[in-house]
């Protein structure tokens, strides 16, 4: 089985802060928007692992850094 590295670049803006605030780890007291986006990105990457499985892919070592 082959392993490949896939590089993805995303531009993200908060479209609905109410939805953002219900993601686990996002609603930390005093968290700034960058910290909220980091928590949301981390949660999304955890979901990516299960989504990839639907297409026969095993996603591992996924990470994101919000700048």
PDB file of N, CA and C in Angstrom:
ATOM      1  N   UNK A   1       0.841  -1.174   0.000  1.00  0.00           N
ATOM      2  CA  UNK A   1       0.000   0.000   0.000  1.00  0.00           C
ATOM      3  C   UNK A   1       0.889   1.241   0.000  1.00  0.00           C
ATOM      4  N   UNK A   2       0.566   2.203  -0.824  1.00  0.00           N
ATOM      5  CA  UNK A   2       1.349   3.432  -0.947  1.00  0.00           C
ATOM      6  C   UNK A   2       0.912   4.474   0.080  1.00  0.00           C
ATOM      7  N   UNK A   3       1.867   5.293   0.483  1.00  0.00           N
ATOM      8  CA  UNK A   3       1.589   6.438   1.347  1.00  0.00           C
ATOM      9  C   UNK A   3       1.993   7.694   0.599  1.00  0.00           C
ATOM     10  N   UNK A   4       1.148   8.688   0.640  1.00  0.00           N
ATOM     11  CA  UNK A   4       1.403   9.957  -0.037  1.00  0.00           C
ATOM     12  C   UNK A   4       1.173  11.105   0.926  1.00  0.00           C
ATOM     13  N   UNK A   5       1.886  12.178   0.733  1.00  0.00           N
ATOM     14  CA  UNK A   5       1.646  13.406   1.474  1.00  0.00           C
ATOM     15  C   UNK A   5       0.848  14.337   0.582  1.00  0.00           C
ATOM     16  N   UNK A   6      -0.255  14.850   1.100  1.00  0.00           N
ATOM     17  CA  UNK A   6      -1.119  15.765   0.358  1.00  0.00           C
ATOM     18  C   UNK A   6      -1.049  17.118   1.058  1.00  0.00           C
ATOM     19  N   UNK A   7      -0.699  18.161   0.332  1.00  0.00           N
ATOM     20  CA  UNK A   7      -0.624  19.501   0.889  1.00  0.00           C
ATOM     21  C   UNK A   7      -1.874  20.273   0.478  1.00  0.00           C
ATOM     22  N   UNK A   8      -2.547  20.842   1.459  1.00  0.00           N
ATOM     23  CA  UNK A   8      -3.792  21.570   1.216  1.00  0.00           C
ATOM     24  C   UNK A   8      -3.642  22.969   1.808  1.00  0.00           C
ATOM     25  N   UNK A   9      -4.078  23.970   1.072  1.00  0.00           N
ATOM     26  CA  UNK A   9      -4.117  25.333   1.580  1.00  0.00           C
ATOM     27  C   UNK A   9      -5.570  25.779   1.600  1.00  0.00           C
ATOM     28  N   UNK A  10      -6.014  26.324   2.726  1.00  0.00           N
ATOM     29  CA  UNK A  10      -7.388  26.784   2.879  1.00  0.00           C
ATOM     30  C   UNK A  10      -7.400  28.233   3.336  1.00  0.00           C
ATOM     31  N   UNK A  11      -8.330  28.982   2.829  1.00  0.00           N
ATOM     32  CA  UNK A  11      -8.607  30.310   3.351  1.00  0.00           C
ATOM     33  C   UNK A  11      -9.948  30.207   4.057  1.00  0.00           C
ATOM     34  N   UNK A  12      -9.977  30.563   5.326  1.00  0.00           N
ATOM     35  CA  UNK A  12     -11.162  30.345   6.139  1.00  0.00           C
ATOM     36  C   UNK A  12     -11.597  31.657   6.779  1.00  0.00           C
ATOM     37  N   UNK A  13     -12.897  31.884   6.784  1.00  0.00           N
ATOM     38  CA  UNK A  13     -13.456  32.998   7.536  1.00  0.00           C
ATOM     39  C   UNK A  13     -14.609  32.454   8.358  1.00  0.00           C
ATOM     40  N   UNK A  14     -14.902  33.089   9.466  1.00  0.00           N
ATOM     41  CA  UNK A  14     -16.001  32.662  10.320  1.00  0.00           C
ATOM     42  C   UNK A  14     -17.295  33.151   9.677  1.00  0.00           C
ATOM     43  N   UNK A  15     -18.118  32.211   9.229  1.00  0.00           N
ATOM     44  CA  UNK A  15     -19.380  32.552   8.593  1.00  0.00           C
ATOM     45  C   UNK A  15     -20.531  32.529   9.586  1.00  0.00           C
ATOM     46  N   UNK A  16     -20.394  31.740  10.642  1.00  0.00           N
ATOM     47  CA  UNK A  16     -21.449  31.643  11.641  1.00  0.00           C
ATOM     48  C   UNK A  16     -20.799  31.351  12.987  1.00  0.00           C
ATOM     49  N   UNK A  17     -20.575  32.365  13.775  1.00  0.00           N
ATOM     50  CA  UNK A  17     -19.872  32.195  15.046  1.00  0.00           C
ATOM     51  C   UNK A  17     -20.686  31.373  16.042  1.00  0.00           C
ATOM     52  N   UNK A  18     -22.007  31.323  15.889  1.00  0.00           N
ATOM     53  CA  UNK A  18     -22.832  30.512  16.789  1.00  0.00           C
ATOM     54  C   UNK A  18     -22.504  29.035  16.611  1.00  0.00           C
ATOM     55  N   UNK A  19     -22.319  28.603  15.375  1.00  0.00           N
ATOM     56  CA  UNK A  19     -21.953  27.212  15.109  1.00  0.00           C
ATOM     57  C   UNK A  19     -20.538  26.951  15.599  1.00  0.00           C
ATOM     58  N   UNK A  20     -19.647  27.879  15.363  1.00  0.00           N
ATOM     59  CA  UNK A  20     -18.262  27.739  15.796  1.00  0.00           C
ATOM     60  C   UNK A  20     -18.176  27.524  17.300  1.00  0.00           C
ATOM     61  N   UNK A  21     -19.019  28.191  18.054  1.00  0.00           N
ATOM     62  CA  UNK A  21     -18.936  28.129  19.511  1.00  0.00           C
ATOM     63  C   UNK A  21     -19.376  26.801  20.107  1.00  0.00           C
ATOM     64  N   UNK A  22     -20.042  25.937  19.344  1.00  0.00           N
ATOM     65  CA  UNK A  22     -20.480  24.648  19.888  1.00  0.00           C
ATOM     66  C   UNK A  22     -19.485  23.525  19.617  1.00  0.00           C
ATOM     67  N   UNK A  23     -18.413  23.808  18.892  1.00  0.00           N
ATOM     68  CA  UNK A  23     -17.388  22.801  18.636  1.00  0.00           C
ATOM     69  C   UNK A  23     -16.582  22.597  19.907  1.00  0.00           C
ATOM     70  N   UNK A  24     -16.400  21.334  20.344  1.00  0.00           N
ATOM     71  CA  UNK A  24     -15.639  21.090  21.577  1.00  0.00           C
ATOM     72  C   UNK A  24     -14.257  21.743  21.524  1.00  0.00           C
ATOM     73  N   UNK A  25     -13.910  22.445  22.582  1.00  0.00           N
ATOM     74  CA  UNK A  25     -12.614  23.096  22.677  1.00  0.00           C
ATOM     75  C   UNK A  25     -12.606  24.513  22.145  1.00  0.00           C
ATOM     76  N   UNK A  26     -13.651  24.904  21.434  1.00  0.00           N
ATOM     77  CA  UNK A  26     -13.680  26.245  20.835  1.00  0.00           C
ATOM     78  C   UNK A  26     -14.150  27.284  21.830  1.00  0.00           C
ATOM     79  N   UNK A  27     -15.076  26.929  22.671  1.00  0.00           N
ATOM     80  CA  UNK A  27     -15.704  27.897  23.552  1.00  0.00           C
ATOM     81  C   UNK A  27     -14.932  28.089  24.852  1.00  0.00           C
ATOM     82  N   UNK A  28     -13.622  27.983  24.780  1.00  0.00           N
ATOM     83  CA  UNK A  28     -12.809  28.196  25.979  1.00  0.00           C
ATOM     84  C   UNK A  28     -12.918  29.655  26.419  1.00  0.00           C
ATOM     85  N   UNK A  29     -13.000  29.849  27.716  1.00  0.00           N
ATOM     86  CA  UNK A  29     -13.146  31.206  28.245  1.00  0.00           C
ATOM     87  C   UNK A  29     -11.991  32.087  27.787  1.00  0.00           C
ATOM     88  N   UNK A  30     -12.315  33.215  27.208  1.00  0.00           N
ATOM     89  CA  UNK A  30     -11.309  34.172  26.788  1.00  0.00           C
ATOM     90  C   UNK A  30     -10.562  33.811  25.514  1.00  0.00           C
ATOM     91  N   UNK A  31     -10.990  32.756  24.812  1.00  0.00           N
ATOM     92  CA  UNK A  31     -10.283  32.351  23.597  1.00  0.00           C
ATOM     93  C   UNK A  31     -10.475  33.421  22.512  1.00  0.00           C
ATOM     94  N   UNK A  32      -9.378  33.798  21.868  1.00  0.00           N
ATOM     95  CA  UNK A  32      -9.480  34.753  20.773  1.00  0.00           C
ATOM     96  C   UNK A  32      -9.899  34.010  19.496  1.00  0.00           C
ATOM     97  N   UNK A  33     -10.178  34.756  18.446  1.00  0.00           N
ATOM     98  CA  UNK A  33     -10.673  34.148  17.215  1.00  0.00           C
ATOM     99  C   UNK A  33      -9.667  33.150  16.626  1.00  0.00           C
ATOM    100  N   UNK A  34      -8.365  33.459  16.682  1.00  0.00           N
ATOM    101  CA  UNK A  34      -7.376  32.539  16.153  1.00  0.00           C
ATOM    102  C   UNK A  34      -7.418  31.221  16.910  1.00  0.00           C
ATOM    103  N   UNK A  35      -7.537  31.280  18.224  1.00  0.00           N
ATOM    104  CA  UNK A  35      -7.623  30.061  19.037  1.00  0.00           C
ATOM    105  C   UNK A  35      -8.895  29.293  18.727  1.00  0.00           C
ATOM    106  N   UNK A  36      -9.988  29.993  18.501  1.00  0.00           N
ATOM    107  CA  UNK A  36     -11.244  29.339  18.133  1.00  0.00           C
ATOM    108  C   UNK A  36     -11.105  28.633  16.786  1.00  0.00           C
ATOM    109  N   UNK A  37     -10.487  29.310  15.816  1.00  0.00           N
ATOM    110  CA  UNK A  37     -10.294  28.694  14.503  1.00  0.00           C
ATOM    111  C   UNK A  37      -9.360  27.494  14.588  1.00  0.00           C
ATOM    112  N   UNK A  38      -8.341  27.556  15.428  1.00  0.00           N
ATOM    113  CA  UNK A  38      -7.428  26.425  15.600  1.00  0.00           C
ATOM    114  C   UNK A  38      -8.183  25.221  16.141  1.00  0.00           C
ATOM    115  N   UNK A  39      -9.017  25.449  17.158  1.00  0.00           N
ATOM    116  CA  UNK A  39      -9.801  24.358  17.734  1.00  0.00           C
ATOM    117  C   UNK A  39     -10.761  23.784  16.702  1.00  0.00           C
ATOM    118  N   UNK A  40     -11.372  24.637  15.896  1.00  0.00           N
ATOM    119  CA  UNK A  40     -12.288  24.167  14.849  1.00  0.00           C
ATOM    120  C   UNK A  40     -11.537  23.372  13.785  1.00  0.00           C
ATOM    121  N   UNK A  41     -10.368  23.839  13.389  1.00  0.00           N
ATOM    122  CA  UNK A  41      -9.563  23.123  12.394  1.00  0.00           C
ATOM    123  C   UNK A  41      -9.150  21.754  12.923  1.00  0.00           C
ATOM    124  N   UNK A  42      -8.743  21.700  14.178  1.00  0.00           N
ATOM    125  CA  UNK A  42      -8.361  20.426  14.789  1.00  0.00           C
ATOM    126  C   UNK A  42      -9.546  19.463  14.808  1.00  0.00           C
ATOM    127  N   UNK A  43     -10.727  19.965  15.155  1.00  0.00           N
ATOM    128  CA  UNK A  43     -11.933  19.126  15.168  1.00  0.00           C
ATOM    129  C   UNK A  43     -12.253  18.637  13.758  1.00  0.00           C
ATOM    130  N   UNK A  44     -12.110  19.515  12.779  1.00  0.00           N
ATOM    131  CA  UNK A  44     -12.371  19.132  11.392  1.00  0.00           C
ATOM    132  C   UNK A  44     -11.418  18.053  10.896  1.00  0.00           C
ATOM    133  N   UNK A  45     -10.160  18.127  11.303  1.00  0.00           N
ATOM    134  CA  UNK A  45      -9.202  17.109  10.893  1.00  0.00           C
ATOM    135  C   UNK A  45      -9.502  15.760  11.536  1.00  0.00           C
ATOM    136  N   UNK A  46     -10.028  15.781  12.748  1.00  0.00           N
ATOM    137  CA  UNK A  46     -10.450  14.514  13.363  1.00  0.00           C
ATOM    138  C   UNK A  46     -11.599  13.905  12.558  1.00  0.00           C
ATOM    139  N   UNK A  47     -12.514  14.736  12.078  1.00  0.00           N
ATOM    140  CA  UNK A  47     -13.619  14.253  11.242  1.00  0.00           C
ATOM    141  C   UNK A  47     -13.111  13.755   9.896  1.00  0.00           C
ATOM    142  N   UNK A  48     -12.071  14.373   9.387  1.00  0.00           N
ATOM    143  CA  UNK A  48     -11.505  13.973   8.097  1.00  0.00           C
ATOM    144  C   UNK A  48     -11.075  12.512   8.103  1.00  0.00           C
ATOM    145  N   UNK A  49     -10.610  12.037   9.233  1.00  0.00           N
ATOM    146  CA  UNK A  49     -10.191  10.640   9.321  1.00  0.00           C
ATOM    147  C   UNK A  49     -11.356   9.704   9.027  1.00  0.00           C
ATOM    148  N   UNK A  50     -12.535   9.979   9.582  1.00  0.00           N
ATOM    149  CA  UNK A  50     -13.681   9.106   9.315  1.00  0.00           C
ATOM    150  C   UNK A  50     -14.222   9.309   7.905  1.00  0.00           C
ATOM    151  N   UNK A  51     -14.191  10.533   7.414  1.00  0.00           N
ATOM    152  CA  UNK A  51     -14.649  10.799   6.047  1.00  0.00           C
ATOM    153  C   UNK A  51     -13.746  10.095   5.045  1.00  0.00           C
ATOM    154  N   UNK A  52     -12.449  10.151   5.253  1.00  0.00           N
ATOM    155  CA  UNK A  52     -11.514   9.473   4.360  1.00  0.00           C
ATOM    156  C   UNK A  52     -11.787   7.986   4.286  1.00  0.00           C
ATOM    157  N   UNK A  53     -12.163   7.397   5.422  1.00  0.00           N
ATOM    158  CA  UNK A  53     -12.470   5.975   5.461  1.00  0.00           C
ATOM    159  C   UNK A  53     -13.606   5.593   4.532  1.00  0.00           C
ATOM    160  N   UNK A  54     -14.543   6.500   4.321  1.00  0.00           N
ATOM    161  CA  UNK A  54     -15.659   6.247   3.391  1.00  0.00           C
ATOM    162  C   UNK A  54     -15.166   6.026   1.969  1.00  0.00           C
ATOM    163  N   UNK A  55     -14.021   6.591   1.657  1.00  0.00           N
ATOM    164  CA  UNK A  55     -13.473   6.526   0.296  1.00  0.00           C
ATOM    165  C   UNK A  55     -12.271   5.593   0.206  1.00  0.00           C
ATOM    166  N   UNK A  56     -12.110   4.752   1.232  1.00  0.00           N
ATOM    167  CA  UNK A  56     -11.024   3.788   1.213  1.00  0.00           C
ATOM    168  C   UNK A  56      -9.677   4.361   1.567  1.00  0.00           C
ATOM    169  N   UNK A  57      -9.650   5.507   2.235  1.00  0.00           N
ATOM    170  CA  UNK A  57      -8.403   6.158   2.613  1.00  0.00           C
ATOM    171  C   UNK A  57      -8.206   6.083   4.122  1.00  0.00           C
ATOM    172  N   UNK A  58      -6.966   5.984   4.540  1.00  0.00           N
ATOM    173  CA  UNK A  58      -6.624   6.079   5.959  1.00  0.00           C
ATOM    174  C   UNK A  58      -5.855   7.376   6.133  1.00  0.00           C
ATOM    175  N   UNK A  59      -6.454   8.333   6.809  1.00  0.00           N
ATOM    176  CA  UNK A  59      -5.832   9.631   7.037  1.00  0.00           C
ATOM    177  C   UNK A  59      -5.154   9.597   8.397  1.00  0.00           C
ATOM    178  N   UNK A  60      -3.870   9.935   8.438  1.00  0.00           N
ATOM    179  CA  UNK A  60      -3.148   9.978   9.695  1.00  0.00           C
ATOM    180  C   UNK A  60      -2.201  11.176   9.682  1.00  0.00           C
ATOM    181  N   UNK A  61      -1.774  11.571  10.845  1.00  0.00           N
ATOM    182  CA  UNK A  61      -0.823  12.684  10.983  1.00  0.00           C
ATOM    183  C   UNK A  61      -1.313  13.965  10.334  1.00  0.00           C
ATOM    184  N   UNK A  62      -2.610  14.223  10.379  1.00  0.00           N
ATOM    185  CA  UNK A  62      -3.152  15.464   9.841  1.00  0.00           C
ATOM    186  C   UNK A  62      -2.970  16.566  10.869  1.00  0.00           C
ATOM    187  N   UNK A  63      -2.548  17.732  10.426  1.00  0.00           N
ATOM    188  CA  UNK A  63      -2.388  18.854  11.341  1.00  0.00           C
ATOM    189  C   UNK A  63      -2.680  20.149  10.603  1.00  0.00           C
ATOM    190  N   UNK A  64      -3.030  21.150  11.383  1.00  0.00           N
ATOM    191  CA  UNK A  64      -3.294  22.481  10.843  1.00  0.00           C
ATOM    192  C   UNK A  64      -2.729  23.500  11.804  1.00  0.00           C
ATOM    193  N   UNK A  65      -2.242  24.599  11.287  1.00  0.00           N
ATOM    194  CA  UNK A  65      -1.781  25.707  12.101  1.00  0.00           C
ATOM    195  C   UNK A  65      -2.461  26.971  11.595  1.00  0.00           C
ATOM    196  N   UNK A  66      -3.216  27.601  12.450  1.00  0.00           N
ATOM    197  CA  UNK A  66      -3.909  28.833  12.074  1.00  0.00           C
ATOM    198  C   UNK A  66      -2.974  30.004  12.335  1.00  0.00           C
ATOM    199  N   UNK A  67      -2.710  30.772  11.294  1.00  0.00           N
ATOM    200  CA  UNK A  67      -1.805  31.922  11.425  1.00  0.00           C
ATOM    201  C   UNK A  67      -2.590  33.206  11.494  1.00  0.00           C
TER     202      UNK A  67
END
